[in-house]
Amino acid sequence: EAGHAVAAWASPRCPAPCLITFDAALGGPSCGIDPWKAPSSAADCLDLAAFFLGGLAGEAVALGDFSAPGGTDLSLALQAAGRYRSMTGAPRRRAPRTPFVLALPSGVFIELRGFLDHAYETAFRRIRRHADGHARLRKLLTEGCASGKLSYDASDIARCLGPRPC
C-alpha cells in the first residue's frame, strides 16, 4: 500500500492519499485518496491508473520484483485505461499475443496495453524518485501492523513522505 500512497502523493493531478487501512472485511490492506473524482482528461486517467498500479511498482522498487497483480488494482487500472481510450478516441486494434509486464488478458487492446505500460512506468519512476519516503512509509506500516495498528491517516502518511512535490 505504500506504493499506492507514494504514486498518488507524487502525482500532480491525483488527490492526496488520505487513509491506509488493513481490514480483512475489505480483503486486506487498502489505500484511499480523497476527494475521489472521475478523471476528466487523459492526463487524469494516466495518474489514476498509475495510482492503481503503484502497489506493483512499489514492490518492484523495494524488492526488485513484484507479486502477481491484485485483481482489484488491475481491474481499476483497466477501467481508467478504458476511460482514457474513450476520451482520446483511440481506434480498437487487437493486441498481439506477446509477454506483458502485467500479464493482461489476450483480448486487451493495443492502446490499453501501451497506456498501462506507461502508467506502470510513471508509478515506478515516481516511487523510485521518492524511495526514502517510500521506505519510511513501508517501515511504519510493517511495524504498526506487527503491533496491531491497522489504520493510518493523512498525517501519518505526510510524516513519512513530507510535503507533496507538486
N, C-alpha and C. Protein backbone atom coordinates (compact mmCIF):
# COMPACT_ATOMS: atom_id res chain seq x y z
N GLU A 1 0.81 -1.20 0.00
CA GLU A 1 0.00 0.00 0.00
C GLU A 1 0.85 1.26 0.00
N ALA A 2 2.09 1.15 0.47
CA ALA A 2 2.99 2.30 0.45
C ALA A 2 3.21 2.78 -0.98
N GLY A 3 3.30 1.85 -1.93
CA GLY A 3 3.49 2.23 -3.33
C GLY A 3 2.32 3.03 -3.86
N HIS A 4 1.10 2.61 -3.53
CA HIS A 4 -0.09 3.36 -3.95
C HIS A 4 -0.03 4.78 -3.38
N ALA A 5 0.31 4.89 -2.09
CA ALA A 5 0.34 6.19 -1.44
C ALA A 5 1.37 7.11 -2.09
N VAL A 6 2.57 6.60 -2.36
CA VAL A 6 3.62 7.43 -2.97
C VAL A 6 3.22 7.82 -4.39
N ALA A 7 2.64 6.89 -5.15
CA ALA A 7 2.22 7.19 -6.53
C ALA A 7 1.19 8.31 -6.55
N ALA A 8 0.26 8.32 -5.60
CA ALA A 8 -0.74 9.39 -5.53
C ALA A 8 -0.11 10.69 -5.03
N TRP A 9 0.71 10.58 -3.99
CA TRP A 9 1.34 11.76 -3.37
C TRP A 9 2.21 12.51 -4.38
N ALA A 10 2.92 11.79 -5.25
CA ALA A 10 3.84 12.41 -6.20
C ALA A 10 3.17 12.84 -7.50
N SER A 11 1.88 12.61 -7.63
CA SER A 11 1.15 12.93 -8.85
C SER A 11 0.64 14.37 -8.83
N PRO A 12 0.80 15.09 -9.94
CA PRO A 12 0.29 16.46 -9.96
C PRO A 12 -1.24 16.54 -10.05
N ARG A 13 -1.90 15.47 -10.48
CA ARG A 13 -3.35 15.54 -10.67
C ARG A 13 -4.15 14.60 -9.78
N CYS A 14 -3.52 13.68 -9.11
CA CYS A 14 -4.23 12.71 -8.27
C CYS A 14 -4.43 13.32 -6.89
N PRO A 15 -5.60 13.15 -6.29
CA PRO A 15 -5.77 13.64 -4.91
C PRO A 15 -4.77 12.98 -3.97
N ALA A 16 -4.48 13.65 -2.87
CA ALA A 16 -3.51 13.14 -1.91
C ALA A 16 -4.02 11.87 -1.24
N PRO A 17 -3.11 10.95 -0.90
CA PRO A 17 -3.54 9.76 -0.15
C PRO A 17 -4.04 10.20 1.23
N CYS A 18 -5.18 9.67 1.65
CA CYS A 18 -5.76 10.13 2.91
C CYS A 18 -5.89 9.04 3.95
N LEU A 19 -5.79 7.77 3.55
CA LEU A 19 -6.01 6.70 4.50
C LEU A 19 -5.39 5.41 3.99
N ILE A 20 -4.70 4.72 4.87
CA ILE A 20 -4.25 3.35 4.60
C ILE A 20 -4.82 2.52 5.73
N THR A 21 -5.52 1.46 5.37
CA THR A 21 -6.13 0.63 6.40
C THR A 21 -5.95 -0.85 6.08
N PHE A 22 -5.87 -1.64 7.12
CA PHE A 22 -5.78 -3.09 6.99
C PHE A 22 -7.09 -3.65 7.52
N ASP A 23 -7.92 -4.14 6.63
CA ASP A 23 -9.25 -4.60 7.02
C ASP A 23 -9.57 -5.91 6.30
N ALA A 24 -9.66 -6.99 7.07
CA ALA A 24 -9.94 -8.30 6.48
C ALA A 24 -11.28 -8.29 5.75
N ALA A 25 -12.24 -7.51 6.21
CA ALA A 25 -13.54 -7.45 5.56
C ALA A 25 -13.44 -6.85 4.16
N LEU A 26 -12.44 -5.99 3.95
CA LEU A 26 -12.22 -5.40 2.63
C LEU A 26 -11.29 -6.26 1.77
N GLY A 27 -10.86 -7.38 2.29
CA GLY A 27 -9.98 -8.25 1.53
C GLY A 27 -8.51 -7.98 1.79
N GLY A 28 -8.20 -7.19 2.80
CA GLY A 28 -6.81 -6.90 3.12
C GLY A 28 -6.56 -5.41 3.18
N PRO A 29 -5.30 -5.01 2.94
CA PRO A 29 -4.97 -3.59 3.04
C PRO A 29 -5.53 -2.79 1.87
N SER A 30 -5.77 -1.51 2.10
CA SER A 30 -6.21 -0.63 1.02
C SER A 30 -5.70 0.78 1.29
N CYS A 31 -5.51 1.52 0.22
CA CYS A 31 -5.07 2.91 0.30
C CYS A 31 -6.13 3.75 -0.39
N GLY A 32 -6.61 4.78 0.30
CA GLY A 32 -7.65 5.63 -0.28
C GLY A 32 -7.12 7.01 -0.62
N ILE A 33 -7.76 7.62 -1.62
CA ILE A 33 -7.45 9.00 -1.99
C ILE A 33 -8.73 9.81 -1.83
N ASP A 34 -8.56 11.10 -1.53
CA ASP A 34 -9.73 11.93 -1.28
C ASP A 34 -9.43 13.35 -1.74
N PRO A 35 -10.31 14.03 -2.39
CA PRO A 35 -11.64 13.56 -2.74
C PRO A 35 -11.58 12.70 -4.00
N TRP A 36 -12.38 11.64 -4.02
CA TRP A 36 -12.45 10.79 -5.20
C TRP A 36 -13.23 11.52 -6.28
N LYS A 37 -12.71 11.52 -7.49
CA LYS A 37 -13.44 12.13 -8.60
C LYS A 37 -13.13 11.35 -9.86
N ALA A 38 -14.07 11.32 -10.76
CA ALA A 38 -13.86 10.64 -12.04
C ALA A 38 -12.86 11.45 -12.85
N PRO A 39 -11.96 10.78 -13.57
CA PRO A 39 -11.00 11.53 -14.38
C PRO A 39 -11.70 12.32 -15.48
N SER A 40 -11.25 13.54 -15.71
CA SER A 40 -11.88 14.38 -16.71
C SER A 40 -10.97 14.66 -17.90
N SER A 41 -9.76 14.10 -17.88
CA SER A 41 -8.84 14.28 -19.01
C SER A 41 -7.98 13.03 -19.15
N ALA A 42 -7.30 12.93 -20.27
CA ALA A 42 -6.40 11.79 -20.49
C ALA A 42 -5.29 11.76 -19.44
N ALA A 43 -4.79 12.95 -19.05
CA ALA A 43 -3.73 13.02 -18.03
C ALA A 43 -4.26 12.54 -16.68
N ASP A 44 -5.52 12.88 -16.35
CA ASP A 44 -6.13 12.38 -15.11
C ASP A 44 -6.20 10.86 -15.13
N CYS A 45 -6.57 10.29 -16.28
CA CYS A 45 -6.67 8.84 -16.41
C CYS A 45 -5.32 8.18 -16.16
N LEU A 46 -4.26 8.79 -16.71
CA LEU A 46 -2.92 8.25 -16.52
C LEU A 46 -2.53 8.27 -15.05
N ASP A 47 -2.76 9.39 -14.37
CA ASP A 47 -2.40 9.48 -12.95
C ASP A 47 -3.21 8.51 -12.10
N LEU A 48 -4.47 8.33 -12.43
CA LEU A 48 -5.31 7.40 -11.68
C LEU A 48 -4.83 5.96 -11.89
N ALA A 49 -4.53 5.61 -13.14
CA ALA A 49 -4.01 4.26 -13.41
C ALA A 49 -2.67 4.05 -12.72
N ALA A 50 -1.82 5.09 -12.70
CA ALA A 50 -0.52 4.98 -12.01
C ALA A 50 -0.75 4.75 -10.51
N PHE A 51 -1.75 5.41 -9.92
CA PHE A 51 -2.09 5.17 -8.52
C PHE A 51 -2.48 3.70 -8.32
N PHE A 52 -3.34 3.17 -9.18
CA PHE A 52 -3.79 1.79 -9.02
C PHE A 52 -2.64 0.80 -9.21
N LEU A 53 -1.68 1.12 -10.07
CA LEU A 53 -0.55 0.22 -10.31
C LEU A 53 0.62 0.51 -9.37
N GLY A 54 0.46 1.49 -8.49
CA GLY A 54 1.53 1.87 -7.56
C GLY A 54 1.94 0.75 -6.61
N GLY A 55 1.03 -0.13 -6.27
CA GLY A 55 1.39 -1.24 -5.39
C GLY A 55 2.40 -2.16 -6.04
N LEU A 56 2.18 -2.49 -7.31
CA LEU A 56 3.12 -3.33 -8.04
C LEU A 56 4.45 -2.61 -8.24
N ALA A 57 4.38 -1.34 -8.61
CA ALA A 57 5.61 -0.57 -8.82
C ALA A 57 6.38 -0.43 -7.51
N GLY A 58 5.68 -0.26 -6.39
CA GLY A 58 6.34 -0.16 -5.09
C GLY A 58 7.07 -1.44 -4.73
N GLU A 59 6.45 -2.59 -5.02
CA GLU A 59 7.12 -3.87 -4.79
C GLU A 59 8.38 -3.98 -5.64
N ALA A 60 8.28 -3.56 -6.90
CA ALA A 60 9.44 -3.65 -7.79
C ALA A 60 10.58 -2.75 -7.32
N VAL A 61 10.25 -1.55 -6.83
CA VAL A 61 11.29 -0.64 -6.31
C VAL A 61 11.93 -1.24 -5.06
N ALA A 62 11.11 -1.73 -4.14
CA ALA A 62 11.62 -2.21 -2.85
C ALA A 62 12.26 -3.58 -2.93
N LEU A 63 11.69 -4.46 -3.74
CA LEU A 63 12.13 -5.86 -3.74
C LEU A 63 12.80 -6.31 -5.04
N GLY A 64 12.75 -5.46 -6.06
CA GLY A 64 13.34 -5.83 -7.34
C GLY A 64 12.41 -6.64 -8.22
N ASP A 65 11.21 -6.95 -7.74
CA ASP A 65 10.24 -7.71 -8.50
C ASP A 65 8.88 -7.48 -7.85
N PHE A 66 7.82 -7.95 -8.48
CA PHE A 66 6.51 -7.81 -7.86
C PHE A 66 5.76 -9.12 -7.92
N SER A 67 4.77 -9.23 -7.03
CA SER A 67 3.94 -10.43 -6.99
C SER A 67 2.92 -10.35 -8.12
N ALA A 68 2.09 -11.34 -8.22
CA ALA A 68 1.03 -11.31 -9.22
C ALA A 68 0.14 -10.09 -8.98
N PRO A 69 -0.29 -9.43 -10.06
CA PRO A 69 -1.11 -8.23 -9.87
C PRO A 69 -2.39 -8.54 -9.14
N GLY A 70 -2.75 -7.67 -8.21
CA GLY A 70 -4.00 -7.82 -7.48
C GLY A 70 -5.17 -7.62 -8.42
N GLY A 71 -6.18 -8.44 -8.29
CA GLY A 71 -7.34 -8.37 -9.18
C GLY A 71 -8.02 -7.02 -9.17
N THR A 72 -8.23 -6.45 -7.99
CA THR A 72 -8.92 -5.17 -7.90
C THR A 72 -8.07 -4.06 -8.50
N ASP A 73 -6.78 -4.02 -8.18
CA ASP A 73 -5.91 -2.97 -8.71
C ASP A 73 -5.86 -3.01 -10.23
N LEU A 74 -5.68 -4.20 -10.78
CA LEU A 74 -5.61 -4.33 -12.23
C LEU A 74 -6.95 -3.99 -12.87
N SER A 75 -8.03 -4.41 -12.27
CA SER A 75 -9.37 -4.11 -12.79
C SER A 75 -9.61 -2.60 -12.82
N LEU A 76 -9.23 -1.90 -11.74
CA LEU A 76 -9.42 -0.46 -11.69
C LEU A 76 -8.50 0.26 -12.67
N ALA A 77 -7.28 -0.23 -12.83
CA ALA A 77 -6.37 0.37 -13.82
C ALA A 77 -6.93 0.17 -15.23
N LEU A 78 -7.51 -0.99 -15.50
CA LEU A 78 -8.13 -1.24 -16.81
C LEU A 78 -9.31 -0.31 -17.04
N GLN A 79 -10.08 -0.02 -15.99
CA GLN A 79 -11.20 0.93 -16.13
C GLN A 79 -10.68 2.32 -16.48
N ALA A 80 -9.60 2.75 -15.82
CA ALA A 80 -9.00 4.05 -16.14
C ALA A 80 -8.49 4.05 -17.58
N ALA A 81 -7.92 2.93 -18.01
CA ALA A 81 -7.43 2.81 -19.39
C ALA A 81 -8.59 2.87 -20.38
N GLY A 82 -9.69 2.21 -20.05
CA GLY A 82 -10.86 2.26 -20.93
C GLY A 82 -11.42 3.66 -21.04
N ARG A 83 -11.43 4.38 -19.92
CA ARG A 83 -11.91 5.77 -19.96
C ARG A 83 -10.96 6.63 -20.80
N TYR A 84 -9.66 6.37 -20.68
CA TYR A 84 -8.67 7.07 -21.50
C TYR A 84 -8.96 6.84 -22.98
N ARG A 85 -9.21 5.56 -23.35
CA ARG A 85 -9.47 5.24 -24.75
C ARG A 85 -10.71 5.95 -25.25
N SER A 86 -11.76 5.99 -24.41
CA SER A 86 -13.00 6.65 -24.85
C SER A 86 -12.80 8.17 -24.97
N MET A 87 -11.93 8.75 -24.14
CA MET A 87 -11.67 10.20 -24.21
C MET A 87 -10.84 10.57 -25.43
N THR A 88 -9.87 9.71 -25.75
CA THR A 88 -8.96 10.03 -26.84
C THR A 88 -9.45 9.53 -28.19
N GLY A 89 -10.47 8.65 -28.18
CA GLY A 89 -10.99 8.10 -29.43
C GLY A 89 -10.02 7.18 -30.13
N ALA A 90 -9.11 6.58 -29.38
CA ALA A 90 -8.12 5.67 -29.98
C ALA A 90 -8.85 4.51 -30.66
N PRO A 91 -8.41 4.15 -31.86
CA PRO A 91 -9.06 3.03 -32.56
C PRO A 91 -8.82 1.72 -31.82
N ARG A 92 -9.72 0.78 -32.00
CA ARG A 92 -9.59 -0.52 -31.34
C ARG A 92 -8.86 -1.48 -32.27
N ARG A 93 -7.65 -1.83 -31.89
CA ARG A 93 -6.88 -2.84 -32.61
C ARG A 93 -6.52 -3.92 -31.61
N ARG A 94 -6.69 -5.15 -32.01
CA ARG A 94 -6.37 -6.25 -31.09
C ARG A 94 -4.87 -6.31 -30.84
N ALA A 95 -4.51 -6.57 -29.60
CA ALA A 95 -3.11 -6.67 -29.21
C ALA A 95 -2.55 -8.02 -29.64
N PRO A 96 -1.30 -8.05 -30.07
CA PRO A 96 -0.67 -9.34 -30.37
C PRO A 96 -0.45 -10.12 -29.09
N ARG A 97 -0.30 -11.40 -29.20
CA ARG A 97 -0.06 -12.24 -28.03
C ARG A 97 1.42 -12.22 -27.70
N THR A 98 1.82 -11.22 -26.93
CA THR A 98 3.21 -11.10 -26.53
C THR A 98 3.27 -10.96 -25.02
N PRO A 99 4.42 -11.27 -24.41
CA PRO A 99 4.53 -11.10 -22.96
C PRO A 99 4.31 -9.64 -22.58
N PHE A 100 3.70 -9.41 -21.44
CA PHE A 100 3.41 -8.06 -20.97
C PHE A 100 3.66 -8.03 -19.48
N VAL A 101 4.17 -6.91 -19.00
CA VAL A 101 4.57 -6.81 -17.60
C VAL A 101 3.45 -7.20 -16.63
N LEU A 102 2.21 -6.92 -16.96
CA LEU A 102 1.12 -7.24 -16.05
C LEU A 102 0.31 -8.46 -16.48
N ALA A 103 0.76 -9.18 -17.50
CA ALA A 103 0.09 -10.39 -17.96
C ALA A 103 -1.40 -10.15 -18.17
N LEU A 104 -1.72 -9.15 -18.99
CA LEU A 104 -3.12 -8.84 -19.26
C LEU A 104 -3.76 -9.91 -20.13
N PRO A 105 -5.07 -10.02 -20.07
CA PRO A 105 -5.75 -10.97 -20.95
C PRO A 105 -5.45 -10.67 -22.41
N SER A 106 -5.44 -11.69 -23.25
CA SER A 106 -5.04 -11.52 -24.64
C SER A 106 -5.98 -10.61 -25.42
N GLY A 107 -7.23 -10.43 -24.98
CA GLY A 107 -8.18 -9.60 -25.70
C GLY A 107 -8.03 -8.11 -25.44
N VAL A 108 -7.11 -7.71 -24.58
CA VAL A 108 -6.94 -6.29 -24.27
C VAL A 108 -6.35 -5.59 -25.49
N PHE A 109 -6.88 -4.44 -25.79
CA PHE A 109 -6.47 -3.73 -26.99
C PHE A 109 -5.07 -3.13 -26.87
N ILE A 110 -4.41 -2.99 -28.01
CA ILE A 110 -3.04 -2.46 -28.07
C ILE A 110 -2.94 -1.13 -27.32
N GLU A 111 -3.88 -0.23 -27.58
CA GLU A 111 -3.82 1.09 -26.95
C GLU A 111 -3.88 0.99 -25.42
N LEU A 112 -4.67 0.06 -24.91
CA LEU A 112 -4.78 -0.08 -23.47
C LEU A 112 -3.50 -0.66 -22.88
N ARG A 113 -2.88 -1.60 -23.59
CA ARG A 113 -1.61 -2.15 -23.11
C ARG A 113 -0.55 -1.06 -23.06
N GLY A 114 -0.46 -0.27 -24.10
CA GLY A 114 0.51 0.82 -24.11
C GLY A 114 0.25 1.82 -23.01
N PHE A 115 -1.02 2.15 -22.79
CA PHE A 115 -1.40 3.08 -21.74
C PHE A 115 -1.02 2.52 -20.37
N LEU A 116 -1.31 1.24 -20.13
CA LEU A 116 -0.99 0.64 -18.83
C LEU A 116 0.51 0.51 -18.63
N ASP A 117 1.26 0.20 -19.70
CA ASP A 117 2.72 0.20 -19.59
C ASP A 117 3.21 1.58 -19.14
N HIS A 118 2.67 2.62 -19.77
CA HIS A 118 3.07 3.99 -19.45
C HIS A 118 2.68 4.34 -18.01
N ALA A 119 1.47 3.94 -17.58
CA ALA A 119 1.03 4.22 -16.21
C ALA A 119 1.92 3.50 -15.20
N TYR A 120 2.27 2.24 -15.47
CA TYR A 120 3.15 1.49 -14.57
C TYR A 120 4.52 2.16 -14.48
N GLU A 121 5.09 2.52 -15.63
CA GLU A 121 6.40 3.18 -15.64
C GLU A 121 6.34 4.52 -14.92
N THR A 122 5.24 5.24 -15.05
CA THR A 122 5.06 6.52 -14.35
C THR A 122 5.08 6.29 -12.84
N ALA A 123 4.32 5.30 -12.38
CA ALA A 123 4.31 4.99 -10.94
C ALA A 123 5.70 4.56 -10.48
N PHE A 124 6.36 3.70 -11.25
CA PHE A 124 7.68 3.20 -10.88
C PHE A 124 8.67 4.35 -10.74
N ARG A 125 8.70 5.27 -11.71
CA ARG A 125 9.62 6.42 -11.64
C ARG A 125 9.33 7.30 -10.43
N ARG A 126 8.05 7.55 -10.17
CA ARG A 126 7.70 8.40 -9.03
C ARG A 126 8.14 7.77 -7.71
N ILE A 127 7.92 6.48 -7.58
CA ILE A 127 8.28 5.80 -6.33
C ILE A 127 9.79 5.72 -6.19
N ARG A 128 10.49 5.42 -7.28
CA ARG A 128 11.95 5.35 -7.22
C ARG A 128 12.55 6.72 -6.88
N ARG A 129 11.96 7.78 -7.43
CA ARG A 129 12.44 9.14 -7.15
C ARG A 129 12.27 9.49 -5.67
N HIS A 130 11.26 8.91 -5.02
CA HIS A 130 10.98 9.19 -3.62
C HIS A 130 11.16 7.93 -2.78
N ALA A 131 12.22 7.19 -3.09
CA ALA A 131 12.47 5.89 -2.45
C ALA A 131 12.64 6.00 -0.94
N ASP A 132 13.23 7.08 -0.45
CA ASP A 132 13.42 7.23 1.01
C ASP A 132 12.08 7.34 1.73
N GLY A 133 11.18 8.16 1.20
CA GLY A 133 9.86 8.29 1.80
C GLY A 133 9.07 6.99 1.70
N HIS A 134 9.22 6.31 0.58
CA HIS A 134 8.57 5.01 0.39
C HIS A 134 9.06 4.02 1.44
N ALA A 135 10.37 4.01 1.68
CA ALA A 135 10.94 3.11 2.69
C ALA A 135 10.44 3.45 4.09
N ARG A 136 10.36 4.77 4.41
CA ARG A 136 9.85 5.17 5.73
C ARG A 136 8.39 4.75 5.91
N LEU A 137 7.59 4.89 4.86
CA LEU A 137 6.18 4.51 4.95
C LEU A 137 6.04 2.99 5.06
N ARG A 138 6.82 2.24 4.30
CA ARG A 138 6.79 0.77 4.42
C ARG A 138 7.15 0.33 5.83
N LYS A 139 8.17 0.98 6.41
CA LYS A 139 8.59 0.63 7.77
C LYS A 139 7.48 0.94 8.77
N LEU A 140 6.86 2.11 8.63
CA LEU A 140 5.76 2.48 9.53
C LEU A 140 4.64 1.45 9.43
N LEU A 141 4.27 1.06 8.22
CA LEU A 141 3.17 0.11 8.04
C LEU A 141 3.53 -1.27 8.59
N THR A 142 4.75 -1.71 8.34
CA THR A 142 5.18 -3.02 8.81
C THR A 142 5.21 -3.08 10.34
N GLU A 143 5.85 -2.08 10.94
CA GLU A 143 5.95 -2.06 12.40
C GLU A 143 4.58 -1.86 13.05
N GLY A 144 3.77 -1.00 12.46
CA GLY A 144 2.45 -0.75 13.01
C GLY A 144 1.55 -1.96 12.93
N CYS A 145 1.60 -2.65 11.80
CA CYS A 145 0.78 -3.85 11.62
C CYS A 145 1.19 -4.92 12.63
N ALA A 146 2.50 -5.05 12.85
CA ALA A 146 3.01 -6.05 13.81
C ALA A 146 2.54 -5.73 15.23
N SER A 147 2.36 -4.43 15.52
CA SER A 147 1.93 -4.06 16.87
C SER A 147 0.41 -3.91 16.98
N GLY A 148 -0.30 -4.16 15.88
CA GLY A 148 -1.76 -4.12 15.93
C GLY A 148 -2.40 -2.85 15.42
N LYS A 149 -1.60 -1.86 14.98
CA LYS A 149 -2.20 -0.64 14.42
C LYS A 149 -2.65 -0.94 13.00
N LEU A 150 -3.93 -0.73 12.72
CA LEU A 150 -4.48 -1.13 11.44
C LEU A 150 -4.98 0.02 10.58
N SER A 151 -4.76 1.25 11.01
CA SER A 151 -5.25 2.38 10.24
C SER A 151 -4.27 3.55 10.35
N TYR A 152 -4.02 4.19 9.22
CA TYR A 152 -3.09 5.33 9.13
C TYR A 152 -3.79 6.43 8.37
N ASP A 153 -3.76 7.65 8.90
CA ASP A 153 -4.44 8.74 8.22
C ASP A 153 -3.44 9.61 7.46
N ALA A 154 -3.96 10.70 6.88
CA ALA A 154 -3.14 11.58 6.05
C ALA A 154 -1.94 12.14 6.81
N SER A 155 -2.09 12.41 8.10
CA SER A 155 -0.97 12.98 8.86
C SER A 155 0.15 11.95 9.03
N ASP A 156 -0.20 10.66 9.21
CA ASP A 156 0.82 9.61 9.28
C ASP A 156 1.58 9.51 7.96
N ILE A 157 0.82 9.56 6.86
CA ILE A 157 1.43 9.46 5.53
C ILE A 157 2.33 10.67 5.29
N ALA A 158 1.87 11.87 5.65
CA ALA A 158 2.64 13.09 5.43
C ALA A 158 3.93 13.09 6.25
N ARG A 159 3.90 12.53 7.47
CA ARG A 159 5.14 12.46 8.27
C ARG A 159 6.20 11.64 7.58
N CYS A 160 5.81 10.63 6.86
CA CYS A 160 6.78 9.77 6.16
C CYS A 160 7.22 10.39 4.84
N LEU A 161 6.29 11.01 4.13
CA LEU A 161 6.59 11.46 2.78
C LEU A 161 6.93 12.95 2.69
N GLY A 162 6.53 13.73 3.70
CA GLY A 162 6.78 15.17 3.66
C GLY A 162 5.77 15.89 2.81
N PRO A 163 6.04 17.17 2.50
CA PRO A 163 5.10 17.93 1.68
C PRO A 163 5.05 17.37 0.26
N ARG A 164 3.90 17.49 -0.37
CA ARG A 164 3.76 16.98 -1.73
C ARG A 164 4.67 17.77 -2.67
N PRO A 165 5.32 17.08 -3.60
CA PRO A 165 6.26 17.76 -4.50
C PRO A 165 5.57 18.53 -5.61
N CYS A 166 4.27 18.38 -5.74
CA CYS A 166 3.57 19.04 -6.86
C CYS A 166 2.42 19.88 -6.36
